C-alpha atoms as a PDB file:
ATOM      1  CA  MET A   1      66.217  71.733 -18.229  1.00  0.00           C
ATOM      2  CA  LEU A   2      63.952  69.836 -21.017  1.00  0.00           C
ATOM      3  CA  GLU A   3      66.208  71.165 -23.635  1.00  0.00           C
ATOM      4  CA  VAL A   4      69.300  69.991 -21.973  1.00  0.00           C
ATOM      5  CA  GLN A   5      67.651  66.493 -21.670  1.00  0.00           C
ATOM      6  CA  ARG A   6      66.386  66.506 -25.265  1.00  0.00           C
ATOM      7  CA  ARG A   7      69.924  67.482 -26.510  1.00  0.00           C
ATOM      8  CA  ARG A   8      71.401  64.589 -24.207  1.00  0.00           C
ATOM      9  CA  LEU A   9      69.152  62.080 -25.955  1.00  0.00           C
ATOM     10  CA  GLN A  10      70.133  63.564 -29.362  1.00  0.00           C
ATOM     11  CA  TYR A  11      73.938  63.036 -28.767  1.00  0.00           C
ATOM     12  CA  ASP A  12      73.466  59.533 -27.189  1.00  0.00           C
ATOM     13  CA  SER A  13      71.349  58.198 -29.900  1.00  0.00           C
ATOM     14  CA  GLN A  14      72.453  60.182 -32.909  1.00  0.00           C
ATOM     15  CA  GLN A  15      76.147  61.339 -32.556  1.00  0.00           C
ATOM     16  CA  ARG A  16      79.273  59.716 -31.541  1.00  0.00           C
ATOM     17  CA  ALA A  17      82.105  61.174 -29.482  1.00  0.00           C
ATOM     18  CA  TRP A  18      83.952  62.794 -32.375  1.00  0.00           C
ATOM     19  CA  ASP A  19      80.850  64.861 -33.370  1.00  0.00           C
ATOM     20  CA  VAL A  20      80.508  66.227 -30.007  1.00  0.00           C
ATOM     21  CA  VAL A  21      84.304  67.386 -29.969  1.00  0.00           C
ATOM     22  CA  ALA A  22      83.576  68.750 -33.549  1.00  0.00           C
ATOM     23  CA  GLU A  23      80.708  70.623 -32.475  1.00  0.00           C
ATOM     24  CA  TYR A  24      82.642  71.952 -29.351  1.00  0.00           C
ATOM     25  CA  PHE A  25      85.297  73.519 -31.669  1.00  0.00           C
ATOM     26  CA  GLN A  26      82.669  74.797 -34.008  1.00  0.00           C
ATOM     27  CA  LEU A  27      80.677  76.495 -31.079  1.00  0.00           C
ATOM     28  CA  PHE A  28      83.830  78.131 -29.566  1.00  0.00           C
ATOM     29  CA  ARG A  29      85.863  78.908 -32.753  1.00  0.00           C
ATOM     30  CA  SER A  30      85.514  82.553 -31.884  1.00  0.00           C
ATOM     31  CA  GLY A  31      85.452  82.417 -28.194  1.00  0.00           C
ATOM     32  CA  VAL A  32      82.425  83.287 -26.215  1.00  0.00           C
ATOM     33  CA  GLY A  33      79.843  85.812 -27.690  1.00  0.00           C
ATOM     34  CA  ASN A  34      77.823  88.392 -25.434  1.00  0.00           C
ATOM     35  CA  ALA A  35      75.787  86.630 -22.740  1.00  0.00           C
ATOM     36  CA  THR A  36      72.857  88.525 -23.673  1.00  0.00           C
ATOM     37  CA  GLU A  37      71.313  90.401 -26.476  1.00  0.00           C
ATOM     38  CA  GLN A  38      68.285  92.746 -26.421  1.00  0.00           C
ATOM     39  CA  ARG A  39      66.040  93.602 -29.515  1.00  0.00           C
ATOM     40  CA  PRO A  40      63.502  96.439 -29.227  1.00  0.00           C
ATOM     41  CA  THR A  41      59.918  95.222 -30.123  1.00  0.00           C
ATOM     42  CA  GLY A  42      57.815  98.563 -30.000  1.00  0.00           C
ATOM     43  CA  THR A  43      58.255  99.919 -26.598  1.00  0.00           C
ATOM     44  CA  ASN A  44      59.152  96.502 -25.124  1.00  0.00           C
ATOM     45  CA  GLU A  45      62.695  94.614 -25.255  1.00  0.00           C
ATOM     46  CA  VAL A  46      62.805  90.768 -25.247  1.00  0.00           C
ATOM     47  CA  LEU A  47      65.684  88.717 -24.412  1.00  0.00           C
ATOM     48  CA  CYS A  48      66.857  86.718 -27.496  1.00  0.00           C
ATOM     49  CA  THR A  49      68.930  83.382 -27.596  1.00  0.00           C
ATOM     50  CA  THR A  50      72.607  84.379 -28.044  1.00  0.00           C
ATOM     51  CA  GLU A  51      75.753  82.295 -29.193  1.00  0.00           C
ATOM     52  CA  ALA A  52      76.764  82.508 -25.590  1.00  0.00           C
ATOM     53  CA  GLN A  53      73.529  80.810 -24.343  1.00  0.00           C
ATOM     54  CA  GLN A  54      73.647  78.266 -27.042  1.00  0.00           C
ATOM     55  CA  GLN A  55      77.264  77.452 -26.036  1.00  0.00           C
ATOM     56  CA  LEU A  56      76.349  77.078 -22.460  1.00  0.00           C
ATOM     57  CA  MET A  57      73.428  74.817 -23.548  1.00  0.00           C
ATOM     58  CA  PHE A  58      75.898  72.662 -25.474  1.00  0.00           C
ATOM     59  CA  LEU A  59      78.000  72.285 -22.462  1.00  0.00           C
ATOM     60  CA  ARG A  60      75.287  71.411 -20.091  1.00  0.00           C
ATOM     61  CA  SER A  61      74.095  68.789 -22.749  1.00  0.00           C
ATOM     62  CA  THR A  62      77.512  67.156 -23.439  1.00  0.00           C
ATOM     63  CA  MET A  63      79.506  67.377 -20.259  1.00  0.00           C
ATOM     64  CA  ALA A  64      79.051  66.283 -16.543  1.00  0.00           C
ATOM     65  CA  SER A  65      78.118  69.025 -14.238  1.00  0.00           C
ATOM     66  CA  ASN A  66      81.547  68.511 -12.356  1.00  0.00           C
ATOM     67  CA  VAL A  67      83.613  68.134 -15.410  1.00  0.00           C
ATOM     68  CA  GLU A  68      87.390  68.762 -14.678  1.00  0.00           C
ATOM     69  CA  PHE A  69      89.347  71.128 -16.901  1.00  0.00           C
ATOM     70  CA  GLY A  70      92.920  72.317 -17.412  1.00  0.00           C
ATOM     71  CA  ARG A  71      94.874  70.859 -14.587  1.00  0.00           C
ATOM     72  CA  GLY A  72      92.017  69.996 -12.280  1.00  0.00           C
ATOM     73  CA  ASP A  73      91.617  73.314 -10.810  1.00  0.00           C
ATOM     74  CA  LEU A  74      88.648  74.270 -12.805  1.00  0.00           C
ATOM     75  CA  ILE A  75      85.585  72.213 -12.127  1.00  0.00           C
ATOM     76  CA  GLY A  76      82.188  72.460 -13.664  1.00  0.00           C
ATOM     77  CA  VAL A  77      80.437  73.688 -16.840  1.00  0.00           C
ATOM     78  CA  GLU A  78      80.139  77.248 -15.548  1.00  0.00           C
ATOM     79  CA  ALA A  79      83.927  77.485 -14.977  1.00  0.00           C
ATOM     80  CA  LEU A  80      84.702  76.160 -18.132  1.00  0.00           C
ATOM     81  CA  MET A  81      82.452  78.830 -19.808  1.00  0.00           C
ATOM     82  CA  GLY A  82      83.952  81.406 -17.599  1.00  0.00           C
ATOM     83  CA  HIS A  83      87.588  80.611 -18.783  1.00  0.00           C
ATOM     84  CA  TRP A  84      86.499  80.903 -22.396  1.00  0.00           C
ATOM     85  CA  GLN A  85      84.844  84.196 -21.763  1.00  0.00           C
ATOM     86  CA  ARG A  86      88.183  85.436 -20.089  1.00  0.00           C
ATOM     87  CA  LEU A  87      90.245  84.257 -23.182  1.00  0.00           C
ATOM     88  CA  SER A  88      87.752  86.291 -25.361  1.00  0.00           C
ATOM     89  CA  GLU A  89      88.077  89.238 -23.325  1.00  0.00           C
ATOM     90  CA  CYS A  90      91.924  89.187 -23.167  1.00  0.00           C
ATOM     91  CA  HIS A  91      92.519  88.917 -27.075  1.00  0.00           C
ATOM     92  CA  ASP A  92      91.211  90.473 -30.079  1.00  0.00           C
ATOM     93  CA  GLY A  93      90.397  88.110 -33.154  1.00  0.00           C
ATOM     94  CA  LEU A  94      90.276  84.871 -31.135  1.00  0.00           C
ATOM     95  CA  HIS A  95      90.018  82.053 -33.597  1.00  0.00           C
ATOM     96  CA  VAL A  96      90.237  78.282 -32.953  1.00  0.00           C
ATOM     97  CA  GLN A  97      90.496  76.019 -35.832  1.00  0.00           C
ATOM     98  CA  MET A  98      90.216  72.170 -35.284  1.00  0.00           C
ATOM     99  CA  GLU A  99      92.670  70.317 -37.517  1.00  0.00           C
ATOM    100  CA  TYR A 100      92.503  66.619 -36.716  1.00  0.00           C
ATOM    101  CA  LEU A 101      90.610  64.153 -34.406  1.00  0.00           C
ATOM    102  CA  ASN A 102      92.063  61.017 -33.057  1.00  0.00           C
ATOM    103  CA  LYS A 103      89.731  58.567 -31.502  1.00  0.00           C
ATOM    104  CA  ILE A 104      91.810  56.731 -28.886  1.00  0.00           C
ATOM    105  CA  SER A 105      88.930  54.663 -27.755  1.00  0.00           C
ATOM    106  CA  ASP A 106      85.249  54.902 -27.129  1.00  0.00           C
ATOM    107  CA  THR A 107      85.687  57.055 -24.227  1.00  0.00           C
ATOM    108  CA  ILE A 108      88.748  59.098 -25.326  1.00  0.00           C
ATOM    109  CA  VAL A 109      89.325  61.555 -28.253  1.00  0.00           C
ATOM    110  CA  ILE A 110      92.247  63.738 -28.800  1.00  0.00           C
ATOM    111  CA  ALA A 111      91.783  66.952 -30.985  1.00  0.00           C
ATOM    112  CA  THR A 112      94.634  69.031 -32.425  1.00  0.00           C
ATOM    113  CA  ALA A 113      93.874  72.564 -33.200  1.00  0.00           C
ATOM    114  CA  THR A 114      95.253  76.061 -33.749  1.00  0.00           C
ATOM    115  CA  MET A 115      94.256  79.143 -31.620  1.00  0.00           C
ATOM    116  CA  SER A 116      95.058  82.396 -33.363  1.00  0.00           C
ATOM    117  CA  VAL A 117      95.059  85.587 -31.294  1.00  0.00           C
ATOM    118  CA  THR A 118      95.989  89.162 -31.722  1.00  0.00           C
ATOM    119  CA  ILE A 119      98.173  90.532 -28.671  1.00  0.00           C
ATOM    120  CA  THR A 120      96.443  93.662 -27.196  1.00  0.00           C
ATOM    121  CA  LYS A 121      96.962  95.577 -24.182  1.00  0.00           C
ATOM    122  CA  ASN A 122      94.241  93.566 -22.586  1.00  0.00           C
ATOM    123  CA  THR A 123      96.374  90.474 -23.358  1.00  0.00           C
ATOM    124  CA  LEU A 124      99.565  91.855 -21.624  1.00  0.00           C
ATOM    125  CA  GLU A 125      97.420  92.907 -18.742  1.00  0.00           C
ATOM    126  CA  GLY A 126      95.583  89.677 -18.407  1.00  0.00           C
ATOM    127  CA  ILE A 127      97.952  86.992 -19.725  1.00  0.00           C
ATOM    128  CA  PHE A 128     101.564  88.596 -19.191  1.00  0.00           C
ATOM    129  CA  PRO A 129     101.033  90.876 -16.275  1.00  0.00           C
ATOM    130  CA  HIS A 130     104.569  90.229 -15.080  1.00  0.00           C
ATOM    131  CA  LEU A 131     105.840  92.201 -18.183  1.00  0.00           C
ATOM    132  CA  MET A 132     103.447  95.213 -17.909  1.00  0.00           C
ATOM    133  CA  GLY A 133     103.925  95.503 -14.041  1.00  0.00           C
ATOM    134  CA  SER A 134     107.810  95.096 -14.330  1.00  0.00           C
ATOM    135  CA  GLU A 135     110.146  97.961 -13.834  1.00  0.00           C
ATOM    136  CA  SER A 136     112.706  95.912 -15.887  1.00  0.00           C
ATOM    137  CA  VAL A 137     113.451  97.949 -19.155  1.00  0.00           C
ATOM    138  CA  GLU A 138     113.929  94.407 -20.847  1.00  0.00           C
ATOM    139  CA  ASP A 139     110.435  93.271 -19.769  1.00  0.00           C
ATOM    140  CA  LEU A 140     108.764  96.391 -20.986  1.00  0.00           C
ATOM    141  CA  SER A 141     110.618  96.123 -24.228  1.00  0.00           C
ATOM    142  CA  LEU A 142     109.335  92.682 -24.658  1.00  0.00           C
ATOM    143  CA  ALA A 143     105.601  93.805 -23.980  1.00  0.00           C
ATOM    144  CA  VAL A 144     106.065  96.427 -26.708  1.00  0.00           C
ATOM    145  CA  ARG A 145     107.369  93.822 -29.086  1.00  0.00           C
ATOM    146  CA  LEU A 146     104.454  91.513 -28.519  1.00  0.00           C
ATOM    147  CA  LEU A 147     101.789  94.276 -28.858  1.00  0.00           C
ATOM    148  CA  GLY A 148      99.761  94.267 -32.171  1.00  0.00           C
ATOM    149  CA  HIS A 149     101.221  90.777 -33.357  1.00  0.00           C
ATOM    150  CA  ARG A 150      98.945  87.917 -34.329  1.00  0.00           C
ATOM    151  CA  LEU A 151     100.145  84.617 -33.153  1.00  0.00           C
ATOM    152  CA  SER A 152      99.079  80.929 -33.924  1.00  0.00           C
ATOM    153  CA  TYR A 153      99.494  78.564 -30.971  1.00  0.00           C
ATOM    154  CA  PRO A 154      99.297  74.781 -31.877  1.00  0.00           C
ATOM    155  CA  CYS A 155      97.369  72.953 -29.163  1.00  0.00           C
ATOM    156  CA  SER A 156      95.642  69.598 -28.335  1.00  0.00           C
ATOM    157  CA  THR A 157      92.779  68.638 -26.210  1.00  0.00           C
ATOM    158  CA  LEU A 158      92.137  65.251 -24.656  1.00  0.00           C
ATOM    159  CA  PHE A 159      88.433  64.524 -24.072  1.00  0.00           C
ATOM    160  CA  VAL A 160      87.590  61.828 -21.656  1.00  0.00           C
ATOM    161  CA  TRP A 161      83.778  60.411 -21.495  1.00  0.00           C
ATOM    162  CA  ASP A 162      81.955  58.586 -18.833  1.00  0.00           C
ATOM    163  CA  GLU A 163      80.777  55.427 -20.373  1.00  0.00           C
ATOM    164  CA  ALA A 164      77.619  55.163 -18.314  1.00  0.00           C
ATOM    165  CA  SER A 165      76.456  58.719 -18.745  1.00  0.00           C
ATOM    166  CA  SER A 166      77.869  59.353 -22.122  1.00  0.00           C
ATOM    167  CA  LEU A 167      79.176  62.786 -20.767  1.00  0.00           C
ATOM    168  CA  VAL A 168      82.523  64.364 -20.833  1.00  0.00           C
ATOM    169  CA  VAL A 169      84.146  64.218 -17.407  1.00  0.00           C
ATOM    170  CA  ARG A 170      87.609  65.467 -18.194  1.00  0.00           C
ATOM    171  CA  LEU A 171      89.371  67.984 -20.604  1.00  0.00           C
ATOM    172  CA  GLU A 172      93.109  68.228 -20.616  1.00  0.00           C
ATOM    173  CA  THR A 173      94.577  70.766 -22.913  1.00  0.00           C
ATOM    174  CA  ASP A 174      98.149  71.401 -24.047  1.00  0.00           C
ATOM    175  CA  VAL A 175      99.072  74.858 -25.736  1.00  0.00           C
ATOM    176  CA  ASP A 176     102.294  75.283 -27.488  1.00  0.00           C
ATOM    177  CA  MET A 177     102.970  78.971 -26.848  1.00  0.00           C
ATOM    178  CA  ALA A 178     106.817  78.669 -27.151  1.00  0.00           C
ATOM    179  CA  THR A 179     106.918  77.879 -30.817  1.00  0.00           C
ATOM    180  CA  PRO A 180     105.243  80.997 -32.252  1.00  0.00           C
ATOM    181  CA  LEU A 181     106.808  83.339 -29.720  1.00  0.00           C
ATOM    182  CA  LEU A 182     110.236  81.861 -30.685  1.00  0.00           C
ATOM    183  CA  LYS A 183     109.388  82.742 -34.292  1.00  0.00           C
ATOM    184  CA  LEU A 184     108.526  86.210 -33.329  1.00  0.00           C
ATOM    185  CA  LEU A 185     111.319  86.970 -30.747  1.00  0.00           C
ATOM    186  CA  GLY A 186     114.013  84.783 -32.249  1.00  0.00           C
ATOM    187  CA  ASN A 187     115.686  84.168 -28.744  1.00  0.00           C
ATOM    188  CA  LEU A 188     114.988  81.422 -26.399  1.00  0.00           C
ATOM    189  CA  ASP A 189     115.865  83.476 -23.252  1.00  0.00           C
ATOM    190  CA  GLU A 190     113.266  86.182 -24.214  1.00  0.00           C
ATOM    191  CA  VAL A 191     110.694  83.404 -24.945  1.00  0.00           C
ATOM    192  CA  SER A 192     111.333  81.920 -21.430  1.00  0.00           C
ATOM    193  CA  ARG A 193     111.105  85.487 -19.882  1.00  0.00           C
ATOM    194  CA  VAL A 194     107.663  86.042 -21.528  1.00  0.00           C
ATOM    195  CA  LEU A 195     106.269  82.698 -20.378  1.00  0.00           C
ATOM    196  CA  ASP A 196     107.690  82.689 -16.808  1.00  0.00           C
ATOM    197  CA  GLY A 197     104.663  84.209 -15.135  1.00  0.00           C
ATOM    198  CA  ALA A 198     102.096  83.845 -17.976  1.00  0.00           C
ATOM    199  CA  VAL A 199      98.614  83.423 -16.311  1.00  0.00           C
ATOM    200  CA  VAL A 200      95.990  81.755 -18.372  1.00  0.00           C
ATOM    201  CA  PHE A 201      97.871  79.125 -20.246  1.00  0.00           C
ATOM    202  CA  ALA A 202      99.996  78.407 -17.280  1.00  0.00           C
ATOM    203  CA  GLN A 203      97.219  77.631 -14.947  1.00  0.00           C
ATOM    204  CA  HIS A 204      94.125  76.803 -16.843  1.00  0.00           C
ATOM    205  CA  ASP A 205      95.084  75.567 -20.381  1.00  0.00           C
ATOM    206  CA  THR A 206      92.282  75.842 -22.917  1.00  0.00           C
ATOM    207  CA  CYS A 207      91.828  75.362 -26.650  1.00  0.00           C
END
């Protein structure tokens, strides 16, 4: 708790909104790391600080405890962290590259970025379960065509601050899955078939 308070003072006094956004994308550029890590010291093992713990500390330091994310159905720092964890588990080679920051006001910043992922069996089962569970030859064929491909999704995230607390109270993200899928599949009807039922991005957008 003392560390969270110390970091909040640091952001209040030394960093502006766009710096918090830049660090957010830097820390989550590869998704979420392992929650714990152990290193042997003789016959004992000690818990060391991990990237995931640093990410969680950052979120607690810069965001309200009831921060709203996605379309309002994710609330709280732990829920946001959990969503990043799921994205990491569903993809190989998750990489998020922030490209541009646009400061709308003292309390609103929009970040544009690209999220690159490799489609794996976990992706198909977690993100596109309607394809994997279908008895349709067309759906299963689409799943096979997606498997192993690396896609880069353009995305943008709106960060909203509470002026009194200087904490982020809302994140709204838009992920363009259609454009890279159209480039890969070459057919709008097939793109629509892939996206109709996609789980993560349809319900809890993130970037």
